[in-house]
Amino acid sequence: MAQIRVNFLLLAVFLVLIGLAVSCKHAVSTNTEFNFFHAALIMTGVVLAHISVNLFNEYSDYFTRIDFNTVRTPFSGGTGMMVSGKTSPRAVIFTAVITLVVAFAIGCYFAMVSHWSILVISLTGALTIVGYTPFFQRIMLGEVFSGLTLGSFVVIGTYIAMTATPDMDLGRILTPGVLLVSIPPGILTSLLLLINEFLDTEADKQGGRRHLVTHFGKQKAAYIYAFGLFLTFVIILALPFLGMASKWIFLALIPLPLAFNNGFTAIRHYEDRTRIIKAMGKNVFIVLGTDLLMAVGILI
């Protein structure tokens, strides 16, 4: 259970909840049925995909020796279970593949019963899961693809799977409102990864990783992190004025003071290990709290 990092799976759950909240509003406005079985199936598939990427990441970091050099915290640095001999690489990669196959099979099911675009989203997600550490994290695209696949695409994919039919035109499904609502969760997922990279910079360099922190340095990466937080809450604030959500979405602004404090901490204290670890913990609350409150605000 420790190796799949159960506590981090809440991210997948809350992302699906955002998509389900938008889908529920659509069902009410169009007087159509909300399919609870499909909702549970989507939740299962996304959680399994998240488990898979965690395990693929652990497996890759073990063989690139990154796991032997990282500073482990409750929020970063992996579990170290293979390093300590508590689990075997064979068991880890087997579980990673199985969870990925089941998650992809669920995606294929929705591609048949809902819309073909789910297959594109599922394929993109699967390629990102397998290629995240050995490829995307080496060409400075790790944060971008994590934000897309374990952020915006989860919200969009959930909505399509719950509301679309095979004969629908994609332009009718992907409304500006759905696309705009999906952006803040995507940014937040990227930021979750970004700030967790601060303590692993040297180990990542030795292991061949090239991400925003190793490329730009901690100081510039801290400004990118702070700007990402700013952009997230600006978009949330704008949603009702653009007619994309009711003012209940302002509930998602509750973590804003904590986000402001965290951005300031990152910029001022990016070299302070103790402060950054605290900021990483606060960032988890910012990301999960904002995602959950977005779902609640949309649903009300």
C-alpha atoms as a PDB file:
ATOM      1  CA  MET A   1       0.000   0.000   0.000  1.00  0.00           C
ATOM      2  CA  ALA A   2       2.878   2.372   0.780  1.00  0.00           C
ATOM      3  CA  GLN A   3       4.447   1.907  -2.648  1.00  0.00           C
ATOM      4  CA  ILE A   4       1.305   2.905  -4.542  1.00  0.00           C
ATOM      5  CA  ARG A   5       1.192   6.018  -2.306  1.00  0.00           C
ATOM      6  CA  VAL A   6      -2.460   5.804  -1.316  1.00  0.00           C
ATOM      7  CA  ASN A   7      -2.500   9.299   0.192  1.00  0.00           C
ATOM      8  CA  PHE A   8      -1.636  10.797  -3.198  1.00  0.00           C
ATOM      9  CA  LEU A   9      -4.540   9.018  -4.907  1.00  0.00           C
ATOM     10  CA  LEU A  10      -6.938  11.631  -3.512  1.00  0.00           C
ATOM     11  CA  LEU A  11      -5.768  13.831  -6.378  1.00  0.00           C
ATOM     12  CA  ALA A  12      -7.243  11.409  -8.922  1.00  0.00           C
ATOM     13  CA  VAL A  13     -10.468  11.137  -6.926  1.00  0.00           C
ATOM     14  CA  PHE A  14     -10.986  14.909  -6.685  1.00  0.00           C
ATOM     15  CA  LEU A  15     -10.188  15.446 -10.367  1.00  0.00           C
ATOM     16  CA  VAL A  16     -12.843  12.928 -11.337  1.00  0.00           C
ATOM     17  CA  LEU A  17     -15.264  14.648  -8.949  1.00  0.00           C
ATOM     18  CA  ILE A  18     -14.804  17.919 -10.853  1.00  0.00           C
ATOM     19  CA  GLY A  19     -15.680  16.177 -14.120  1.00  0.00           C
ATOM     20  CA  LEU A  20     -18.630  14.424 -12.492  1.00  0.00           C
ATOM     21  CA  ALA A  21     -19.890  17.711 -11.036  1.00  0.00           C
ATOM     22  CA  VAL A  22     -19.900  19.320 -14.493  1.00  0.00           C
ATOM     23  CA  SER A  23     -21.583  16.188 -15.883  1.00  0.00           C
ATOM     24  CA  CYS A  24     -24.232  16.281 -13.173  1.00  0.00           C
ATOM     25  CA  LYS A  25     -25.068  19.906 -13.982  1.00  0.00           C
ATOM     26  CA  HIS A  26     -25.338  18.910 -17.641  1.00  0.00           C
ATOM     27  CA  ALA A  27     -27.688  16.030 -16.768  1.00  0.00           C
ATOM     28  CA  VAL A  28     -29.946  18.366 -14.782  1.00  0.00           C
ATOM     29  CA  SER A  29     -30.040  21.025 -17.498  1.00  0.00           C
ATOM     30  CA  THR A  30     -30.772  18.507 -20.267  1.00  0.00           C
ATOM     31  CA  ASN A  31     -33.080  16.318 -18.164  1.00  0.00           C
ATOM     32  CA  THR A  32     -30.953  13.228 -18.839  1.00  0.00           C
ATOM     33  CA  GLU A  33     -29.987  10.377 -16.521  1.00  0.00           C
ATOM     34  CA  PHE A  34     -26.773  10.488 -14.497  1.00  0.00           C
ATOM     35  CA  ASN A  35     -25.144   7.049 -14.817  1.00  0.00           C
ATOM     36  CA  PHE A  36     -23.713   6.136 -11.394  1.00  0.00           C
ATOM     37  CA  PHE A  37     -22.187   2.896 -12.688  1.00  0.00           C
ATOM     38  CA  HIS A  38     -20.217   4.814 -15.301  1.00  0.00           C
ATOM     39  CA  ALA A  39     -19.161   7.336 -12.662  1.00  0.00           C
ATOM     40  CA  ALA A  40     -17.769   4.529 -10.479  1.00  0.00           C
ATOM     41  CA  LEU A  41     -16.052   2.935 -13.471  1.00  0.00           C
ATOM     42  CA  ILE A  42     -14.371   6.210 -14.433  1.00  0.00           C
ATOM     43  CA  MET A  43     -13.196   6.700 -10.856  1.00  0.00           C
ATOM     44  CA  THR A  44     -11.720   3.190 -10.853  1.00  0.00           C
ATOM     45  CA  GLY A  45      -9.908   3.711 -14.148  1.00  0.00           C
ATOM     46  CA  VAL A  46      -8.352   7.044 -13.179  1.00  0.00           C
ATOM     47  CA  VAL A  47      -7.236   5.788  -9.759  1.00  0.00           C
ATOM     48  CA  LEU A  48      -5.651   2.723 -11.378  1.00  0.00           C
ATOM     49  CA  ALA A  49      -3.866   4.970 -13.886  1.00  0.00           C
ATOM     50  CA  HIS A  50      -2.508   7.053 -11.010  1.00  0.00           C
ATOM     51  CA  ILE A  51      -1.279   3.926  -9.240  1.00  0.00           C
ATOM     52  CA  SER A  52       0.389   2.825 -12.454  1.00  0.00           C
ATOM     53  CA  VAL A  53       2.305   6.070 -12.985  1.00  0.00           C
ATOM     54  CA  ASN A  54       3.489   6.005  -9.361  1.00  0.00           C
ATOM     55  CA  LEU A  55       4.869   2.493  -9.816  1.00  0.00           C
ATOM     56  CA  PHE A  56       6.455   3.145 -13.219  1.00  0.00           C
ATOM     57  CA  ASN A  57       8.121   6.198 -11.696  1.00  0.00           C
ATOM     58  CA  GLU A  58       9.466   4.160  -8.767  1.00  0.00           C
ATOM     59  CA  TYR A  59      10.735   1.448 -11.117  1.00  0.00           C
ATOM     60  CA  SER A  60      12.548   3.924 -13.367  1.00  0.00           C
ATOM     61  CA  ASP A  61      14.057   5.893 -10.475  1.00  0.00           C
ATOM     62  CA  TYR A  62      15.421   2.669  -8.990  1.00  0.00           C
ATOM     63  CA  PHE A  63      17.282   1.664 -12.142  1.00  0.00           C
ATOM     64  CA  THR A  64      18.582   5.173 -12.860  1.00  0.00           C
ATOM     65  CA  ARG A  65      19.903   5.233  -9.264  1.00  0.00           C
ATOM     66  CA  ILE A  66      17.900   8.388  -8.485  1.00  0.00           C
ATOM     67  CA  ASP A  67      16.222   6.569  -5.586  1.00  0.00           C
ATOM     68  CA  PHE A  68      19.615   5.979  -4.007  1.00  0.00           C
ATOM     69  CA  ASN A  69      20.417   9.702  -3.850  1.00  0.00           C
ATOM     70  CA  THR A  70      17.134  11.506  -3.166  1.00  0.00           C
ATOM     71  CA  VAL A  71      16.224  13.254   0.061  1.00  0.00           C
ATOM     72  CA  ARG A  72      13.007  11.505   1.044  1.00  0.00           C
ATOM     73  CA  THR A  73      10.163  13.515   2.529  1.00  0.00           C
ATOM     74  CA  PRO A  74       6.472  12.642   3.055  1.00  0.00           C
ATOM     75  CA  PHE A  75       5.813  14.406  -0.265  1.00  0.00           C
ATOM     76  CA  SER A  76       8.760  13.571  -2.546  1.00  0.00           C
ATOM     77  CA  GLY A  77      11.732  11.290  -3.126  1.00  0.00           C
ATOM     78  CA  GLY A  78       9.786   8.072  -3.667  1.00  0.00           C
ATOM     79  CA  THR A  79       9.136   5.369  -1.092  1.00  0.00           C
ATOM     80  CA  GLY A  80      12.584   3.723  -1.175  1.00  0.00           C
ATOM     81  CA  MET A  81      10.972   0.306  -0.792  1.00  0.00           C
ATOM     82  CA  MET A  82      12.970  -1.304  -3.584  1.00  0.00           C
ATOM     83  CA  VAL A  83      16.179   0.244  -2.264  1.00  0.00           C
ATOM     84  CA  SER A  84      15.504  -1.278   1.156  1.00  0.00           C
ATOM     85  CA  GLY A  85      14.567  -4.642  -0.371  1.00  0.00           C
ATOM     86  CA  LYS A  86      10.956  -4.594   0.834  1.00  0.00           C
ATOM     87  CA  THR A  87       9.668  -5.027  -2.724  1.00  0.00           C
ATOM     88  CA  SER A  88      11.246  -6.386  -5.890  1.00  0.00           C
ATOM     89  CA  PRO A  89      11.548  -4.560  -9.232  1.00  0.00           C
ATOM     90  CA  ARG A  90       9.766  -7.475 -10.899  1.00  0.00           C
ATOM     91  CA  ALA A  91       6.730  -7.174  -8.621  1.00  0.00           C
ATOM     92  CA  VAL A  92       6.629  -3.404  -9.059  1.00  0.00           C
ATOM     93  CA  ILE A  93       6.745  -3.433 -12.861  1.00  0.00           C
ATOM     94  CA  PHE A  94       4.216  -6.294 -13.011  1.00  0.00           C
ATOM     95  CA  THR A  95       1.733  -4.344 -10.895  1.00  0.00           C
ATOM     96  CA  ALA A  96       2.423  -1.176 -12.896  1.00  0.00           C
ATOM     97  CA  VAL A  97       1.627  -2.931 -16.178  1.00  0.00           C
ATOM     98  CA  ILE A  98      -1.502  -4.672 -14.848  1.00  0.00           C
ATOM     99  CA  THR A  99      -3.007  -1.473 -13.436  1.00  0.00           C
ATOM    100  CA  LEU A 100      -2.214   0.352 -16.677  1.00  0.00           C
ATOM    101  CA  VAL A 101      -3.825  -2.366 -18.818  1.00  0.00           C
ATOM    102  CA  VAL A 102      -7.019  -2.365 -16.724  1.00  0.00           C
ATOM    103  CA  ALA A 103      -7.192   1.443 -16.759  1.00  0.00           C
ATOM    104  CA  PHE A 104      -6.696   1.490 -20.536  1.00  0.00           C
ATOM    105  CA  ALA A 105      -9.362  -1.197 -20.996  1.00  0.00           C
ATOM    106  CA  ILE A 106     -11.823   1.014 -19.111  1.00  0.00           C
ATOM    107  CA  GLY A 107     -10.857   3.876 -21.414  1.00  0.00           C
ATOM    108  CA  CYS A 108     -11.517   1.667 -24.460  1.00  0.00           C
ATOM    109  CA  TYR A 109     -14.951   0.776 -23.079  1.00  0.00           C
ATOM    110  CA  PHE A 110     -15.901   4.448 -22.887  1.00  0.00           C
ATOM    111  CA  ALA A 111     -14.448   5.046 -26.351  1.00  0.00           C
ATOM    112  CA  MET A 112     -17.045   2.557 -27.617  1.00  0.00           C
ATOM    113  CA  VAL A 113     -20.088   3.535 -25.542  1.00  0.00           C
ATOM    114  CA  SER A 114     -19.496   7.288 -25.225  1.00  0.00           C
ATOM    115  CA  HIS A 115     -17.134   8.843 -27.780  1.00  0.00           C
ATOM    116  CA  TRP A 116     -14.014   8.007 -29.816  1.00  0.00           C
ATOM    117  CA  SER A 117     -12.144  10.982 -28.323  1.00  0.00           C
ATOM    118  CA  ILE A 118     -11.838   9.026 -25.054  1.00  0.00           C
ATOM    119  CA  LEU A 119      -9.454   6.695 -26.889  1.00  0.00           C
ATOM    120  CA  VAL A 120      -7.199   9.651 -27.753  1.00  0.00           C
ATOM    121  CA  ILE A 121      -7.209  10.774 -24.127  1.00  0.00           C
ATOM    122  CA  SER A 122      -6.541   7.210 -22.916  1.00  0.00           C
ATOM    123  CA  LEU A 123      -3.667   6.690 -25.358  1.00  0.00           C
ATOM    124  CA  THR A 124      -2.105  10.007 -24.387  1.00  0.00           C
ATOM    125  CA  GLY A 125      -2.420   9.070 -20.728  1.00  0.00           C
ATOM    126  CA  ALA A 126      -0.921   5.615 -21.266  1.00  0.00           C
ATOM    127  CA  LEU A 127       2.041   6.990 -23.241  1.00  0.00           C
ATOM    128  CA  THR A 128       2.644   9.593 -20.538  1.00  0.00           C
ATOM    129  CA  ILE A 129       2.545   6.954 -17.790  1.00  0.00           C
ATOM    130  CA  VAL A 130       5.095   4.744 -19.528  1.00  0.00           C
ATOM    131  CA  GLY A 131       7.271   7.577 -20.868  1.00  0.00           C
ATOM    132  CA  TYR A 132       7.024  10.070 -18.032  1.00  0.00           C
ATOM    133  CA  THR A 133      10.330   9.327 -16.257  1.00  0.00           C
ATOM    134  CA  PRO A 134      12.451   7.876 -19.097  1.00  0.00           C
ATOM    135  CA  PHE A 135      11.345  10.437 -21.706  1.00  0.00           C
ATOM    136  CA  PHE A 136       9.220  13.457 -20.727  1.00  0.00           C
ATOM    137  CA  GLN A 137      11.227  14.187 -17.589  1.00  0.00           C
ATOM    138  CA  ARG A 138      14.387  14.262 -19.712  1.00  0.00           C
ATOM    139  CA  ILE A 139      13.143  16.824 -22.230  1.00  0.00           C
ATOM    140  CA  MET A 140      11.584  19.338 -19.795  1.00  0.00           C
ATOM    141  CA  LEU A 141       7.994  18.247 -20.523  1.00  0.00           C
ATOM    142  CA  GLY A 142       7.286  16.285 -17.351  1.00  0.00           C
ATOM    143  CA  GLU A 143       5.366  19.076 -15.623  1.00  0.00           C
ATOM    144  CA  VAL A 144       3.362  19.877 -18.773  1.00  0.00           C
ATOM    145  CA  PHE A 145       2.266  16.315 -19.484  1.00  0.00           C
ATOM    146  CA  SER A 146       1.512  15.546 -15.855  1.00  0.00           C
ATOM    147  CA  GLY A 147      -0.732  18.614 -15.738  1.00  0.00           C
ATOM    148  CA  LEU A 148      -2.487  17.584 -18.926  1.00  0.00           C
ATOM    149  CA  THR A 149      -2.979  13.880 -18.277  1.00  0.00           C
ATOM    150  CA  LEU A 150      -3.447  13.888 -14.496  1.00  0.00           C
ATOM    151  CA  GLY A 151      -5.253  17.194 -14.486  1.00  0.00           C
ATOM    152  CA  SER A 152      -7.139  18.754 -17.376  1.00  0.00           C
ATOM    153  CA  PHE A 153      -7.656  15.534 -19.363  1.00  0.00           C
ATOM    154  CA  VAL A 154      -9.216  13.781 -16.367  1.00  0.00           C
ATOM    155  CA  VAL A 155     -11.833  16.522 -16.047  1.00  0.00           C
ATOM    156  CA  ILE A 156     -12.471  16.653 -19.801  1.00  0.00           C
ATOM    157  CA  GLY A 157     -12.431  12.879 -20.229  1.00  0.00           C
ATOM    158  CA  THR A 158     -14.836  12.345 -17.336  1.00  0.00           C
ATOM    159  CA  TYR A 159     -17.255  14.866 -18.781  1.00  0.00           C
ATOM    160  CA  ILE A 160     -17.118  13.328 -22.272  1.00  0.00           C
ATOM    161  CA  ALA A 161     -17.524   9.789 -20.928  1.00  0.00           C
ATOM    162  CA  MET A 162     -20.554  10.808 -18.875  1.00  0.00           C
ATOM    163  CA  THR A 163     -22.374  13.025 -21.373  1.00  0.00           C
ATOM    164  CA  ALA A 164     -21.407  12.093 -24.939  1.00  0.00           C
ATOM    165  CA  THR A 165     -22.781   9.586 -27.416  1.00  0.00           C
ATOM    166  CA  PRO A 166     -20.795   7.993 -30.269  1.00  0.00           C
ATOM    167  CA  ASP A 167     -22.506  10.053 -32.975  1.00  0.00           C
ATOM    168  CA  MET A 168     -21.935  13.464 -31.358  1.00  0.00           C
ATOM    169  CA  ASP A 169     -19.682  16.058 -32.951  1.00  0.00           C
ATOM    170  CA  LEU A 170     -16.669  16.822 -30.771  1.00  0.00           C
ATOM    171  CA  GLY A 171     -17.337  20.558 -31.043  1.00  0.00           C
ATOM    172  CA  ARG A 172     -20.721  20.074 -29.365  1.00  0.00           C
ATOM    173  CA  ILE A 173     -19.158  18.194 -26.459  1.00  0.00           C
ATOM    174  CA  LEU A 174     -16.110  20.313 -25.695  1.00  0.00           C
ATOM    175  CA  THR A 175     -17.730  23.602 -24.786  1.00  0.00           C
ATOM    176  CA  PRO A 176     -15.581  26.600 -23.762  1.00  0.00           C
ATOM    177  CA  GLY A 177     -16.922  26.210 -20.225  1.00  0.00           C
ATOM    178  CA  VAL A 178     -15.671  22.642 -19.847  1.00  0.00           C
ATOM    179  CA  LEU A 179     -12.270  23.522 -21.301  1.00  0.00           C
ATOM    180  CA  LEU A 180     -11.837  26.557 -19.062  1.00  0.00           C
ATOM    181  CA  VAL A 181     -12.908  24.681 -15.921  1.00  0.00           C
ATOM    182  CA  SER A 182     -10.295  22.016 -16.694  1.00  0.00           C
ATOM    183  CA  ILE A 183      -7.372  24.484 -16.763  1.00  0.00           C
ATOM    184  CA  PRO A 184      -6.958  25.255 -13.017  1.00  0.00           C
ATOM    185  CA  PRO A 185      -6.773  21.551 -12.022  1.00  0.00           C
ATOM    186  CA  GLY A 186      -4.189  20.997 -14.749  1.00  0.00           C
ATOM    187  CA  ILE A 187      -2.011  23.864 -13.546  1.00  0.00           C
ATOM    188  CA  LEU A 188      -2.296  22.679  -9.935  1.00  0.00           C
ATOM    189  CA  THR A 189      -1.150  19.165 -10.826  1.00  0.00           C
ATOM    190  CA  SER A 190       1.879  20.610 -12.622  1.00  0.00           C
ATOM    191  CA  LEU A 191       2.669  22.769  -9.589  1.00  0.00           C
ATOM    192  CA  LEU A 192       2.382  19.758  -7.289  1.00  0.00           C
ATOM    193  CA  LEU A 193       5.166  18.122  -9.266  1.00  0.00           C
ATOM    194  CA  LEU A 194       7.180  21.333  -9.652  1.00  0.00           C
ATOM    195  CA  ILE A 195       7.626  22.222  -5.989  1.00  0.00           C
ATOM    196  CA  ASN A 196       8.336  18.582  -5.104  1.00  0.00           C
ATOM    197  CA  GLU A 197      11.340  18.713  -7.449  1.00  0.00           C
ATOM    198  CA  PHE A 198      13.152  21.376  -5.414  1.00  0.00           C
ATOM    199  CA  LEU A 199      14.772  18.928  -2.981  1.00  0.00           C
ATOM    200  CA  ASP A 200      15.628  16.309  -5.625  1.00  0.00           C
ATOM    201  CA  THR A 201      17.451  18.632  -8.023  1.00  0.00           C
ATOM    202  CA  GLU A 202      20.957  17.185  -7.603  1.00  0.00           C
ATOM    203  CA  ALA A 203      19.791  13.557  -7.617  1.00  0.00           C
ATOM    204  CA  ASP A 204      17.668  14.250 -10.707  1.00  0.00           C
ATOM    205  CA  LYS A 205      20.631  15.802 -12.523  1.00  0.00           C
ATOM    206  CA  GLN A 206      22.760  12.739 -11.772  1.00  0.00           C
ATOM    207  CA  GLY A 207      19.950  10.497 -13.021  1.00  0.00           C
ATOM    208  CA  GLY A 208      19.587  12.390 -16.299  1.00  0.00           C
ATOM    209  CA  ARG A 209      16.380  14.241 -15.538  1.00  0.00           C
ATOM    210  CA  ARG A 210      15.882  17.667 -17.089  1.00  0.00           C
ATOM    211  CA  HIS A 211      12.878  19.479 -15.675  1.00  0.00           C
ATOM    212  CA  LEU A 212      12.045  23.106 -14.909  1.00  0.00           C
ATOM    213  CA  VAL A 213      14.042  23.191 -11.670  1.00  0.00           C
ATOM    214  CA  THR A 214      17.199  21.572 -13.086  1.00  0.00           C
ATOM    215  CA  HIS A 215      17.001  23.774 -16.203  1.00  0.00           C
ATOM    216  CA  PHE A 216      16.099  27.187 -14.778  1.00  0.00           C
ATOM    217  CA  GLY A 217      17.394  26.778 -11.242  1.00  0.00           C
ATOM    218  CA  LYS A 218      15.420  26.985  -8.006  1.00  0.00           C
ATOM    219  CA  GLN A 219      15.017  30.761  -7.966  1.00  0.00           C
ATOM    220  CA  LYS A 220      13.396  31.027 -11.403  1.00  0.00           C
ATOM    221  CA  ALA A 221      11.405  27.839 -10.768  1.00  0.00           C
ATOM    222  CA  ALA A 222      10.045  29.453  -7.588  1.00  0.00           C
ATOM    223  CA  TYR A 223       8.745  32.389  -9.644  1.00  0.00           C
ATOM    224  CA  ILE A 224       7.167  29.942 -12.116  1.00  0.00           C
ATOM    225  CA  TYR A 225       5.488  28.172  -9.203  1.00  0.00           C
ATOM    226  CA  ALA A 226       4.150  31.454  -7.761  1.00  0.00           C
ATOM    227  CA  PHE A 227       2.894  32.600 -11.181  1.00  0.00           C
ATOM    228  CA  GLY A 228       1.139  29.249 -11.666  1.00  0.00           C
ATOM    229  CA  LEU A 229      -0.725  29.732  -8.397  1.00  0.00           C
ATOM    230  CA  PHE A 230      -1.663  33.283  -9.403  1.00  0.00           C
ATOM    231  CA  LEU A 231      -2.951  32.142 -12.808  1.00  0.00           C
ATOM    232  CA  THR A 232      -4.971  29.303 -11.257  1.00  0.00           C
ATOM    233  CA  PHE A 233      -6.964  31.578  -8.966  1.00  0.00           C
ATOM    234  CA  VAL A 234      -7.373  34.315 -11.590  1.00  0.00           C
ATOM    235  CA  ILE A 235      -9.060  31.777 -13.895  1.00  0.00           C
ATOM    236  CA  ILE A 236     -11.301  30.524 -11.073  1.00  0.00           C
ATOM    237  CA  LEU A 237     -12.219  34.119 -10.225  1.00  0.00           C
ATOM    238  CA  ALA A 238     -13.067  34.824 -13.869  1.00  0.00           C
ATOM    239  CA  LEU A 239     -15.305  31.784 -14.437  1.00  0.00           C
ATOM    240  CA  PRO A 240     -18.602  33.313 -13.213  1.00  0.00           C
ATOM    241  CA  PHE A 241     -17.979  36.591 -15.050  1.00  0.00           C
ATOM    242  CA  LEU A 242     -17.435  34.638 -18.275  1.00  0.00           C
ATOM    243  CA  GLY A 243     -20.677  32.739 -17.694  1.00  0.00           C
ATOM    244  CA  MET A 244     -18.815  29.447 -17.231  1.00  0.00           C
ATOM    245  CA  ALA A 245     -19.872  28.764 -13.626  1.00  0.00           C
ATOM    246  CA  SER A 246     -22.024  30.161 -10.846  1.00  0.00           C
ATOM    247  CA  LYS A 247     -20.547  32.286  -8.091  1.00  0.00           C
ATOM    248  CA  TRP A 248     -20.458  29.202  -5.864  1.00  0.00           C
ATOM    249  CA  ILE A 249     -17.174  28.456  -7.638  1.00  0.00           C
ATOM    250  CA  PHE A 250     -15.706  31.174  -5.417  1.00  0.00           C
ATOM    251  CA  LEU A 251     -15.582  28.493  -2.711  1.00  0.00           C
ATOM    252  CA  ALA A 252     -12.427  27.341  -4.511  1.00  0.00           C
ATOM    253  CA  LEU A 253     -10.804  30.655  -3.567  1.00  0.00           C
ATOM    254  CA  ILE A 254     -10.694  29.634   0.108  1.00  0.00           C
ATOM    255  CA  PRO A 255      -7.104  28.259  -0.222  1.00  0.00           C
ATOM    256  CA  LEU A 256      -5.969  31.561  -1.816  1.00  0.00           C
ATOM    257  CA  PRO A 257      -4.329  33.026   1.342  1.00  0.00           C
ATOM    258  CA  LEU A 258      -2.388  29.777   1.838  1.00  0.00           C
ATOM    259  CA  ALA A 259      -1.373  29.862  -1.831  1.00  0.00           C
ATOM    260  CA  PHE A 260      -0.163  33.449  -1.500  1.00  0.00           C
ATOM    261  CA  ASN A 261       1.918  32.479   1.525  1.00  0.00           C
ATOM    262  CA  ASN A 262       3.348  29.443  -0.267  1.00  0.00           C
ATOM    263  CA  GLY A 263       4.324  31.419  -3.351  1.00  0.00           C
ATOM    264  CA  PHE A 264       6.078  33.962  -1.152  1.00  0.00           C
ATOM    265  CA  THR A 265       7.881  31.177   0.737  1.00  0.00           C
ATOM    266  CA  ALA A 266       9.091  29.547  -2.480  1.00  0.00           C
ATOM    267  CA  ILE A 267      10.472  32.834  -3.830  1.00  0.00           C
ATOM    268  CA  ARG A 268      12.140  33.930  -0.609  1.00  0.00           C
ATOM    269  CA  HIS A 269      13.300  30.599   0.806  1.00  0.00           C
ATOM    270  CA  TYR A 270      13.863  28.249  -2.150  1.00  0.00           C
ATOM    271  CA  GLU A 271      17.208  27.118  -0.689  1.00  0.00           C
ATOM    272  CA  ASP A 272      15.824  26.498   2.818  1.00  0.00           C
ATOM    273  CA  ARG A 273      15.144  22.759   3.032  1.00  0.00           C
ATOM    274  CA  THR A 274      12.955  22.994   6.146  1.00  0.00           C
ATOM    275  CA  ARG A 275      10.780  25.774   4.749  1.00  0.00           C
ATOM    276  CA  ILE A 276      10.425  24.070   1.365  1.00  0.00           C
ATOM    277  CA  ILE A 277       9.303  20.808   2.991  1.00  0.00           C
ATOM    278  CA  LYS A 278       6.635  22.770   4.878  1.00  0.00           C
ATOM    279  CA  ALA A 279       5.673  24.502   1.636  1.00  0.00           C
ATOM    280  CA  MET A 280       5.361  21.106  -0.078  1.00  0.00           C
ATOM    281  CA  GLY A 281       2.941  19.997   2.618  1.00  0.00           C
ATOM    282  CA  LYS A 282       0.902  23.190   2.314  1.00  0.00           C
ATOM    283  CA  ASN A 283       0.900  22.798  -1.456  1.00  0.00           C
ATOM    284  CA  VAL A 284      -0.817  19.421  -1.113  1.00  0.00           C
ATOM    285  CA  PHE A 285      -3.618  21.130   0.826  1.00  0.00           C
ATOM    286  CA  ILE A 286      -3.797  23.913  -1.769  1.00  0.00           C
ATOM    287  CA  VAL A 287      -4.086  21.481  -4.684  1.00  0.00           C
ATOM    288  CA  LEU A 288      -6.494  19.006  -3.094  1.00  0.00           C
ATOM    289  CA  GLY A 289      -8.537  21.710  -1.360  1.00  0.00           C
ATOM    290  CA  THR A 290      -8.939  23.786  -4.515  1.00  0.00           C
ATOM    291  CA  ASP A 291      -9.867  20.749  -6.622  1.00  0.00           C
ATOM    292  CA  LEU A 292     -12.434  19.536  -4.103  1.00  0.00           C
ATOM    293  CA  LEU A 293     -13.953  22.979  -3.582  1.00  0.00           C
ATOM    294  CA  MET A 294     -14.182  23.444  -7.366  1.00  0.00           C
ATOM    295  CA  ALA A 295     -16.223  20.241  -7.551  1.00  0.00           C
ATOM    296  CA  VAL A 296     -18.467  21.391  -4.701  1.00  0.00           C
ATOM    297  CA  GLY A 297     -18.864  24.887  -6.149  1.00  0.00           C
ATOM    298  CA  ILE A 298     -19.797  23.548  -9.580  1.00  0.00           C
ATOM    299  CA  LEU A 299     -22.276  21.062  -8.135  1.00  0.00           C
ATOM    300  CA  ILE A 300     -24.195  23.530  -5.947  1.00  0.00           C
END
